[in-house]
Amino acid sequence: MSSKHFIPDGWKRLSLHQLALIQTGVAKGKKNIKNPIECPYLRVANVQDGHLDLTEIKTIHIANNELCRYSLRSGDVLMTEGGDFDKLGRGFVWEEQIPGCLHQNHVFAVRPDPDKLDSFFLSYQAGSSYGKGYFVSCSKQSTNLASINSSQLKEYPVLLPSLQEQKAIVKVVKKWDRSIDLTERLIAAKQERRTWLMQQLLTGKRRLPGFDGEWKAVHLDDIFTNRTEINFTDLPLIAITGNGGVVSREDLVRRDTSSEDKSKYLRICPGDIGYNTMRMWQGVCGLSQLEGIVSPAYTIVTPKADIDGEFMALLFKSLPVIHLFHRHSQGLVDDTLNLKWRHFAQIKITIPEKDEQQAIASVFRTADRELDRLRTQLDALREQKKGLMQQLLTGKIRVKA
C-alpha cells in the first residue's frame, strides 16, 4: 500500500503495533501437556467478515500455565491470517460472548490501547477497502490462497483520528449494521414461514379459505407426459440447478463440458418441468420459463391441461415427495441412483383440483416476491455500508465528534 495515501487534517498514520498488542493463538496437536485443561477456542470458521459465527465452538487442551497467554479479552479484534483470499485479515470484535475462550494460531487477537484506538473502529477500517488493500498488497500468495503473518499485521498503517471522532464514526457504521442485521433476521423469518407453508399447504394439512374438496391420488403419468423431442440444435443451451432451477447455460459461471454434438439434446419449453435424472432424489428440478435444449442427463415432463406446473414444481421440492423420488430411484448407492421416466411415472401422489393448485402457487409466488425484495434491499444496504466505510474510515467524509 502506498505511503502517499491521503491523511486527513487532524489524523495520523501509525503502525498497528504502536496502538495495540498483537497476540498469536494456540496451535493444535501439542503432545504431553502438563496439567491440561479443556477450553473453548475460536477457529477461522468462527471469524467471519464483519461478524462472528459462534454456532459451533470446539475445544482444545492446553497447559494451565499457558491459559493467560492465549485467552481472549472483551474488546480484542479477531483477524484471520488468510487461506482463501476472502479470509485474508477478515474479522470482528470479541465481546466475551463465551467466558474463558482461546483462539487458534490461524486467528490473531489484536488488543487495542483503549486510550488510543477504538476496537470497532479498527475492525471496521481493517474490513474496508483500505484495510483489505493493505492485506492483499503484503500477503504471501499462491494459487487462490493468501496469508499474512504477525509482522505484517503489526505494520498495518492505521489511519487514526481522535478517539472521540473514532467513536462518532463507529456510531454511524453501527446504524448500517443494525439495518443489515434486522433485514437478515426478517429474511430468515420469512424463509422459515415459507418452509412451514410448504409443510402445511402442499400436504393438505392446512387448506386455503374456500377449498374443502377431497384431494385425489394419481400416478405421475396420469398428470404428466414425457417430452423426448431431439434435433433442436439451433435452440440455446439450458441447465437445471438445485437452487436456481431452469437457467440459461450462459448465466452459469462454469466450464462448458457439454458435447459438441447437440443432436441428442432434449427440447424443453416454457411450462415444462425438467429434472436431473441422477439427482431428482435431492430435488434438483425446476419449472422452465425458457425454450432451449438440455443434456440427455435430464428428464423433461410436461403437465397436462388440468395440472398447474407451478404447483407441481413446488410439490417436487417438498420433503415427502423428495422421499418418494429417492425410494423409486434405481441404483445400489446414492452416487448411482437415477429416476428415469418409467420409474417417475409409477410414483403415486395426492393433489387437489387445479383451482386449489393455482391458489396455493399464488401464495408462494407472493412469498417469493417478498423474499426477493428483502434480498435486494439487503444487497443495497451492504453496498451502502461498504461505500460509507471507505469514505468515513479514511477521513474522506468527516463526522462531527
Protein backbone atom coordinates (compact mmCIF):
# COMPACT_ATOMS: atom_id res chain seq x y z
CA MET A 1 0.00 0.00 0.00
CA SER A 2 1.39 3.39 -0.94
CA SER A 3 2.68 5.59 1.90
CA LYS A 4 1.24 8.54 -0.02
CA HIS A 5 -2.32 7.65 0.95
CA PHE A 6 -4.32 10.77 1.80
CA ILE A 7 -4.14 11.68 5.51
CA PRO A 8 -6.98 13.98 6.63
CA ASP A 9 -6.37 17.07 8.75
CA GLY A 10 -6.04 16.11 12.39
CA TRP A 11 -5.49 12.42 11.61
CA LYS A 12 -2.28 10.40 11.93
CA ARG A 13 -0.97 7.29 10.28
CA LEU A 14 0.58 4.92 12.80
CA SER A 15 1.63 1.29 12.62
CA LEU A 16 -0.73 -1.02 14.45
CA HIS A 17 1.95 -2.17 16.91
CA GLN A 18 2.13 1.43 18.21
CA LEU A 19 -1.54 1.25 19.17
CA ALA A 20 -2.21 -2.37 20.07
CA LEU A 21 -0.78 -5.67 21.23
CA ILE A 22 -0.89 -8.43 18.60
CA GLN A 23 -1.40 -11.85 20.16
CA THR A 24 -0.89 -15.11 18.25
CA GLY A 25 -3.01 -18.14 19.05
CA VAL A 26 -2.65 -21.67 20.33
CA ALA A 27 -1.52 -24.43 17.96
CA LYS A 28 -3.35 -27.74 17.82
CA GLY A 29 -1.75 -31.12 18.28
CA LYS A 30 0.61 -30.49 21.19
CA LYS A 31 1.67 -33.68 22.97
CA ASN A 32 2.44 -34.41 26.63
CA ILE A 33 0.72 -31.33 28.02
CA LYS A 34 1.30 -30.86 31.75
CA ASN A 35 -1.79 -30.15 33.86
CA PRO A 36 -4.05 -29.86 30.80
CA ILE A 37 -7.40 -28.11 30.94
CA GLU A 38 -10.07 -28.14 28.25
CA CYS A 39 -11.11 -24.73 26.90
CA PRO A 40 -13.34 -23.44 24.11
CA TYR A 41 -11.40 -21.87 21.26
CA LEU A 42 -12.14 -19.93 18.07
CA ARG A 43 -11.15 -21.22 14.64
CA VAL A 44 -11.01 -19.43 11.29
CA ALA A 45 -14.54 -20.72 10.59
CA ASN A 46 -15.81 -18.74 13.59
CA VAL A 47 -14.27 -15.45 12.44
CA GLN A 48 -16.26 -14.08 9.52
CA ASP A 49 -16.09 -10.77 7.67
CA GLY A 50 -17.73 -8.24 9.98
CA HIS A 51 -19.25 -10.77 12.39
CA LEU A 52 -18.52 -13.87 14.44
CA ASP A 53 -20.21 -17.21 13.82
CA LEU A 54 -20.42 -18.96 17.19
CA THR A 55 -22.85 -21.72 16.23
CA GLU A 56 -20.15 -24.41 16.50
CA ILE A 57 -17.41 -23.94 19.09
CA LYS A 58 -14.75 -26.61 19.52
CA THR A 59 -12.48 -27.20 22.49
CA ILE A 60 -8.75 -27.72 22.92
CA HIS A 61 -6.49 -28.98 25.72
CA ILE A 62 -3.90 -26.52 26.98
CA ALA A 63 -1.44 -26.34 29.86
CA ASN A 64 -2.86 -24.43 32.80
CA ASN A 65 0.13 -22.07 32.88
CA GLU A 66 -0.50 -21.06 29.23
CA LEU A 67 -4.12 -20.09 29.74
CA CYS A 68 -3.45 -16.38 30.24
CA ARG A 69 -1.20 -16.29 27.16
CA TYR A 70 -3.94 -17.39 24.77
CA SER A 71 -7.13 -16.14 26.46
CA LEU A 72 -9.34 -13.61 24.72
CA ARG A 73 -10.50 -10.41 26.37
CA SER A 74 -13.51 -8.27 25.62
CA GLY A 75 -12.51 -5.68 23.02
CA ASP A 76 -9.96 -7.88 21.24
CA VAL A 77 -10.20 -7.57 17.46
CA LEU A 78 -10.02 -11.03 15.89
CA MET A 79 -8.38 -11.26 12.45
CA THR A 80 -7.63 -14.31 10.33
CA GLU A 81 -4.21 -14.87 8.79
CA GLY A 82 -5.72 -15.98 5.48
CA GLY A 83 -6.43 -19.03 3.39
CA ASP A 84 -8.76 -18.18 0.54
CA PHE A 85 -8.44 -14.52 -0.49
CA ASP A 86 -11.75 -13.66 1.19
CA LYS A 87 -10.37 -14.87 4.54
CA LEU A 88 -7.38 -12.53 4.48
CA GLY A 89 -7.47 -10.24 7.53
CA ARG A 90 -11.20 -10.63 7.99
CA GLY A 91 -12.70 -10.42 11.46
CA PHE A 92 -14.62 -8.58 14.14
CA VAL A 93 -14.63 -7.56 17.79
CA TRP A 94 -14.76 -10.09 20.61
CA GLU A 95 -17.21 -9.13 23.37
CA GLU A 96 -16.72 -12.01 25.81
CA GLN A 97 -19.62 -14.00 24.36
CA ILE A 98 -18.03 -17.19 25.72
CA PRO A 99 -16.10 -16.92 29.01
CA GLY A 100 -12.60 -18.37 29.06
CA CYS A 101 -12.33 -18.66 25.28
CA LEU A 102 -8.99 -19.04 23.44
CA HIS A 103 -8.08 -18.56 19.78
CA GLN A 104 -6.35 -20.79 17.25
CA ASN A 105 -2.93 -19.89 15.83
CA HIS A 106 -4.53 -19.03 12.46
CA VAL A 107 -6.51 -16.27 14.19
CA PHE A 108 -4.77 -13.16 15.54
CA ALA A 109 -6.13 -11.31 18.57
CA VAL A 110 -5.38 -7.58 18.35
CA ARG A 111 -5.76 -5.81 21.71
CA PRO A 112 -6.00 -2.03 21.17
CA ASP A 113 -4.91 0.50 23.76
CA PRO A 114 -8.37 1.82 24.72
CA ASP A 115 -6.97 5.34 25.24
CA LYS A 116 -5.77 5.49 21.64
CA LEU A 117 -7.75 3.14 19.42
CA ASP A 118 -11.38 2.03 19.47
CA SER A 119 -11.77 -1.71 18.81
CA PHE A 120 -14.73 -1.31 16.47
CA PHE A 121 -13.01 1.50 14.56
CA LEU A 122 -10.03 -0.79 13.92
CA SER A 123 -12.28 -3.69 12.93
CA TYR A 124 -14.29 -1.56 10.51
CA GLN A 125 -11.20 0.05 8.98
CA ALA A 126 -9.40 -3.28 8.55
CA GLY A 127 -12.51 -4.65 6.84
CA SER A 128 -12.86 -1.68 4.48
CA SER A 129 -11.34 -1.44 1.00
CA TYR A 130 -8.43 0.43 2.58
CA GLY A 131 -7.68 -2.39 5.02
CA LYS A 132 -8.23 -5.21 2.56
CA GLY A 133 -5.97 -3.42 0.07
CA TYR A 134 -3.13 -3.42 2.58
CA PHE A 135 -3.51 -7.10 3.45
CA VAL A 136 -3.59 -8.16 -0.20
CA SER A 137 -0.56 -5.98 -1.04
CA CYS A 138 1.69 -7.53 1.62
CA SER A 139 0.34 -11.08 1.73
CA LYS A 140 2.17 -14.21 0.68
CA GLN A 141 0.22 -15.51 -2.30
CA SER A 142 -0.13 -18.75 -4.22
CA THR A 143 -2.89 -20.10 -6.45
CA ASN A 144 -6.18 -18.93 -4.87
CA LEU A 145 -4.50 -18.65 -1.45
CA ALA A 146 -3.03 -15.76 0.52
CA SER A 147 -1.78 -15.24 4.07
CA ILE A 148 -0.26 -12.61 6.33
CA ASN A 149 2.00 -13.06 9.34
CA SER A 150 2.12 -11.22 12.64
CA SER A 151 4.95 -8.93 11.46
CA GLN A 152 2.87 -7.70 8.52
CA LEU A 153 -0.14 -7.24 10.78
CA LYS A 154 1.95 -5.20 13.22
CA GLU A 155 2.86 -2.83 10.37
CA TYR A 156 -0.75 -2.29 9.29
CA PRO A 157 -0.97 1.52 8.75
CA VAL A 158 -3.88 2.70 10.90
CA LEU A 159 -5.41 5.98 9.72
CA LEU A 160 -6.15 7.46 13.11
CA PRO A 161 -8.46 10.33 14.06
CA SER A 162 -9.06 11.39 17.65
CA LEU A 163 -10.68 8.79 19.89
CA GLN A 164 -13.79 10.98 20.00
CA GLU A 165 -14.05 11.02 16.19
CA GLN A 166 -13.39 7.26 16.04
CA LYS A 167 -16.38 6.65 18.29
CA ALA A 168 -18.56 9.00 16.23
CA ILE A 169 -17.63 7.10 13.05
CA VAL A 170 -18.34 3.76 14.73
CA LYS A 171 -21.77 5.03 15.78
CA VAL A 172 -22.66 5.81 12.15
CA VAL A 173 -21.43 2.46 10.77
CA LYS A 174 -23.26 0.56 13.51
CA LYS A 175 -26.54 2.06 12.27
CA TRP A 176 -25.96 0.24 8.96
CA ASP A 177 -25.02 -2.92 10.86
CA ARG A 178 -28.32 -2.78 12.73
CA SER A 179 -30.28 -2.30 9.49
CA ILE A 180 -28.42 -5.20 7.88
CA ASP A 181 -28.97 -7.43 10.92
CA LEU A 182 -32.68 -6.57 11.02
CA THR A 183 -33.08 -7.36 7.32
CA GLU A 184 -31.20 -10.66 7.69
CA ARG A 185 -33.45 -11.64 10.58
CA LEU A 186 -36.53 -10.73 8.57
CA ILE A 187 -35.34 -12.84 5.64
CA ALA A 188 -34.68 -15.78 7.97
CA ALA A 189 -38.17 -15.44 9.47
CA LYS A 190 -39.77 -15.26 6.00
CA GLN A 191 -37.82 -18.33 4.88
CA GLU A 192 -38.90 -20.22 7.98
CA ARG A 193 -42.52 -19.30 7.31
CA ARG A 194 -42.16 -20.42 3.69
CA THR A 195 -40.88 -23.80 4.90
CA TRP A 196 -43.85 -24.05 7.27
CA LEU A 197 -46.24 -23.19 4.42
CA MET A 198 -44.72 -25.96 2.30
CA GLN A 199 -45.28 -28.45 5.11
CA GLN A 200 -48.89 -27.34 5.55
CA LEU A 201 -50.29 -26.28 2.16
CA LEU A 202 -48.53 -28.82 -0.06
CA THR A 203 -49.72 -31.73 2.06
CA GLY A 204 -53.31 -30.60 2.59
CA LYS A 205 -52.82 -30.34 6.37
CA ARG A 206 -53.98 -26.74 6.12
CA ARG A 207 -56.42 -25.53 3.47
CA LEU A 208 -56.85 -22.09 1.98
CA PRO A 209 -60.24 -20.40 2.52
CA GLY A 210 -62.89 -21.61 0.06
CA PHE A 211 -61.36 -25.02 -0.58
CA ASP A 212 -62.61 -28.18 1.09
CA GLY A 213 -62.77 -30.78 -1.70
CA GLU A 214 -61.03 -34.12 -1.36
CA TRP A 215 -57.52 -34.42 -2.74
CA LYS A 216 -57.10 -37.25 -5.24
CA ALA A 217 -54.39 -39.87 -5.55
CA VAL A 218 -52.77 -40.02 -9.00
CA HIS A 219 -49.78 -41.61 -10.66
CA LEU A 220 -47.40 -39.09 -12.20
CA ASP A 221 -48.01 -40.45 -15.69
CA ASP A 222 -51.69 -39.57 -15.19
CA ILE A 223 -50.79 -35.88 -14.98
CA PHE A 224 -47.54 -35.60 -17.00
CA THR A 225 -46.24 -36.57 -20.39
CA ASN A 226 -42.58 -37.18 -21.17
CA ARG A 227 -41.11 -34.72 -23.71
CA THR A 228 -38.42 -36.53 -25.72
CA GLU A 229 -38.00 -34.21 -28.74
CA ILE A 230 -34.46 -34.02 -30.14
CA ASN A 231 -32.64 -32.41 -33.10
CA PHE A 232 -33.32 -28.82 -31.99
CA THR A 233 -29.66 -27.82 -32.17
CA ASP A 234 -30.48 -24.19 -33.04
CA LEU A 235 -32.02 -23.61 -29.59
CA PRO A 236 -29.93 -22.21 -26.70
CA LEU A 237 -28.36 -24.49 -24.11
CA ILE A 238 -30.24 -24.69 -20.80
CA ALA A 239 -29.13 -26.01 -17.40
CA ILE A 240 -31.15 -27.20 -14.40
CA THR A 241 -29.67 -26.41 -10.99
CA GLY A 242 -30.58 -27.27 -7.42
CA ASN A 243 -31.10 -23.70 -6.25
CA GLY A 244 -31.64 -21.68 -9.41
CA GLY A 245 -33.94 -24.09 -11.22
CA VAL A 246 -34.01 -23.84 -15.02
CA VAL A 247 -31.49 -21.24 -16.23
CA SER A 248 -29.66 -20.30 -19.39
CA ARG A 249 -26.29 -22.03 -19.57
CA GLU A 250 -24.72 -18.63 -20.30
CA ASP A 251 -25.79 -17.41 -16.84
CA LEU A 252 -23.69 -20.07 -15.11
CA VAL A 253 -20.08 -19.32 -14.26
CA ARG A 254 -18.74 -22.76 -15.01
CA ARG A 255 -16.77 -24.53 -17.70
CA ASP A 256 -18.85 -25.90 -20.59
CA THR A 257 -18.35 -29.68 -20.58
CA SER A 258 -21.24 -30.41 -22.94
CA SER A 259 -20.80 -32.46 -26.09
CA GLU A 260 -20.18 -30.65 -29.38
CA ASP A 261 -22.90 -32.78 -30.97
CA LYS A 262 -26.17 -31.45 -29.53
CA SER A 263 -28.46 -33.50 -31.79
CA LYS A 264 -29.47 -35.82 -28.93
CA TYR A 265 -30.15 -32.98 -26.53
CA LEU A 266 -33.75 -32.72 -25.35
CA ARG A 267 -36.04 -29.81 -26.07
CA ILE A 268 -37.52 -28.00 -23.05
CA CYS A 269 -40.34 -25.47 -23.36
CA PRO A 270 -41.94 -22.87 -21.07
CA GLY A 271 -44.23 -24.67 -18.62
CA ASP A 272 -42.21 -27.90 -18.68
CA ILE A 273 -40.56 -29.26 -15.57
CA GLY A 274 -37.03 -30.51 -16.06
CA TYR A 275 -35.15 -32.64 -13.58
CA ASN A 276 -31.70 -34.12 -13.18
CA THR A 277 -32.25 -37.85 -13.65
CA MET A 278 -29.43 -38.73 -11.24
CA ARG A 279 -30.25 -36.09 -8.63
CA MET A 280 -34.03 -35.95 -8.52
CA TRP A 281 -33.80 -37.67 -5.14
CA GLN A 282 -32.16 -34.41 -3.98
CA GLY A 283 -34.89 -32.25 -5.52
CA VAL A 284 -32.81 -30.94 -8.44
CA CYS A 285 -35.59 -29.79 -10.74
CA GLY A 286 -37.36 -26.66 -11.88
CA LEU A 287 -40.23 -25.15 -13.84
CA SER A 288 -38.98 -23.72 -17.12
CA GLN A 289 -39.72 -20.20 -18.32
CA LEU A 290 -37.38 -20.75 -21.28
CA GLU A 291 -37.23 -22.68 -24.51
CA GLY A 292 -33.97 -24.45 -25.20
CA ILE A 293 -32.19 -27.78 -25.10
CA VAL A 294 -30.79 -29.74 -22.18
CA SER A 295 -28.39 -32.63 -21.83
CA PRO A 296 -29.85 -36.15 -22.15
CA ALA A 297 -28.89 -36.50 -18.47
CA TYR A 298 -32.10 -34.60 -17.72
CA THR A 299 -35.71 -35.74 -17.99
CA ILE A 300 -38.37 -33.34 -19.27
CA VAL A 301 -42.01 -33.71 -18.24
CA THR A 302 -44.98 -31.63 -19.37
CA PRO A 303 -48.01 -31.07 -17.11
CA LYS A 304 -51.36 -32.00 -18.64
CA ALA A 305 -54.11 -29.40 -19.07
CA ASP A 306 -55.74 -29.92 -15.66
CA ILE A 307 -52.44 -29.53 -13.79
CA ASP A 308 -50.72 -26.34 -12.66
CA GLY A 309 -47.00 -26.62 -13.36
CA GLU A 310 -46.04 -24.02 -10.77
CA PHE A 311 -47.79 -26.02 -8.04
CA MET A 312 -46.14 -29.25 -9.16
CA ALA A 313 -42.68 -27.66 -9.20
CA LEU A 314 -43.25 -26.62 -5.58
CA LEU A 315 -44.53 -30.07 -4.67
CA PHE A 316 -41.42 -31.67 -6.18
CA LYS A 317 -39.30 -29.65 -3.71
CA SER A 318 -41.25 -30.81 -0.65
CA LEU A 319 -39.62 -33.37 1.63
CA PRO A 320 -42.34 -36.06 1.44
CA VAL A 321 -42.21 -36.07 -2.37
CA ILE A 322 -38.40 -35.95 -2.46
CA HIS A 323 -38.53 -39.02 -0.22
CA LEU A 324 -40.71 -40.73 -2.85
CA PHE A 325 -38.23 -39.79 -5.57
CA HIS A 326 -35.44 -41.34 -3.51
CA ARG A 327 -37.43 -44.50 -2.88
CA HIS A 328 -38.23 -45.00 -6.57
CA SER A 329 -34.74 -44.14 -7.88
CA GLN A 330 -32.76 -47.09 -9.19
CA GLY A 331 -29.18 -47.90 -8.18
CA LEU A 332 -27.14 -49.61 -5.49
CA VAL A 333 -25.76 -46.48 -3.78
CA ASP A 334 -26.69 -42.80 -3.75
CA ASP A 335 -23.96 -41.92 -6.27
CA THR A 336 -25.54 -44.19 -8.89
CA LEU A 337 -29.23 -43.52 -8.21
CA ASN A 338 -31.33 -42.40 -11.17
CA LEU A 339 -35.01 -41.72 -11.73
CA LYS A 340 -35.88 -42.31 -15.36
CA TRP A 341 -39.30 -41.58 -16.79
CA ARG A 342 -40.63 -45.12 -16.43
CA HIS A 343 -39.94 -45.11 -12.68
CA PHE A 344 -41.01 -41.48 -12.25
CA ALA A 345 -44.31 -42.34 -13.95
CA GLN A 346 -45.16 -45.02 -11.36
CA ILE A 347 -44.94 -42.68 -8.36
CA LYS A 348 -48.27 -42.01 -6.67
CA ILE A 349 -49.03 -38.63 -5.07
CA THR A 350 -52.09 -36.82 -3.72
CA ILE A 351 -53.10 -33.46 -5.22
CA PRO A 352 -56.06 -31.02 -5.14
CA GLU A 353 -58.07 -29.72 -8.09
CA LYS A 354 -56.39 -27.24 -10.42
CA ASP A 355 -58.04 -24.13 -8.93
CA GLU A 356 -56.67 -25.00 -5.49
CA GLN A 357 -53.27 -25.80 -7.02
CA GLN A 358 -53.23 -22.33 -8.55
CA ALA A 359 -54.30 -20.67 -5.29
CA ILE A 360 -51.50 -22.43 -3.39
CA ALA A 361 -48.96 -21.49 -6.06
CA SER A 362 -50.08 -17.86 -5.75
CA VAL A 363 -49.32 -17.88 -2.01
CA PHE A 364 -45.76 -18.99 -2.69
CA ARG A 365 -45.38 -16.53 -5.57
CA THR A 366 -46.23 -13.70 -3.17
CA ALA A 367 -43.87 -15.08 -0.51
CA ASP A 368 -41.03 -15.42 -3.02
CA ARG A 369 -41.54 -11.87 -4.32
CA GLU A 370 -41.26 -10.58 -0.75
CA LEU A 371 -38.08 -12.60 -0.18
CA ASP A 372 -36.60 -11.28 -3.44
CA ARG A 373 -37.43 -7.71 -2.36
CA LEU A 374 -35.76 -8.19 1.01
CA ARG A 375 -32.67 -9.79 -0.55
CA THR A 376 -32.37 -6.85 -2.95
CA GLN A 377 -32.73 -4.48 -0.01
CA LEU A 378 -30.05 -6.40 1.91
CA ASP A 379 -27.63 -6.24 -1.04
CA ALA A 380 -28.22 -2.48 -1.28
CA LEU A 381 -27.58 -1.98 2.44
CA ARG A 382 -24.33 -3.95 2.23
CA GLU A 383 -23.15 -1.92 -0.74
CA GLN A 384 -24.08 1.33 1.01
CA LYS A 385 -22.17 0.26 4.11
CA LYS A 386 -19.15 -0.72 2.02
CA GLY A 387 -19.05 2.68 0.33
CA LEU A 388 -19.70 4.51 3.58
CA MET A 389 -16.90 2.65 5.37
CA GLN A 390 -14.40 3.52 2.65
CA GLN A 391 -15.28 7.21 2.97
CA LEU A 392 -15.65 7.52 6.75
CA LEU A 393 -12.79 5.28 7.85
CA THR A 394 -10.24 7.04 5.67
CA GLY A 395 -11.44 10.55 6.51
CA LYS A 396 -12.72 11.44 3.04
CA ILE A 397 -16.03 12.23 4.73
CA ARG A 398 -15.77 13.66 8.23
CA VAL A 399 -18.14 13.08 11.12
CA LYS A 400 -18.59 15.66 13.84
CA ALA A 401 -17.20 14.23 17.06
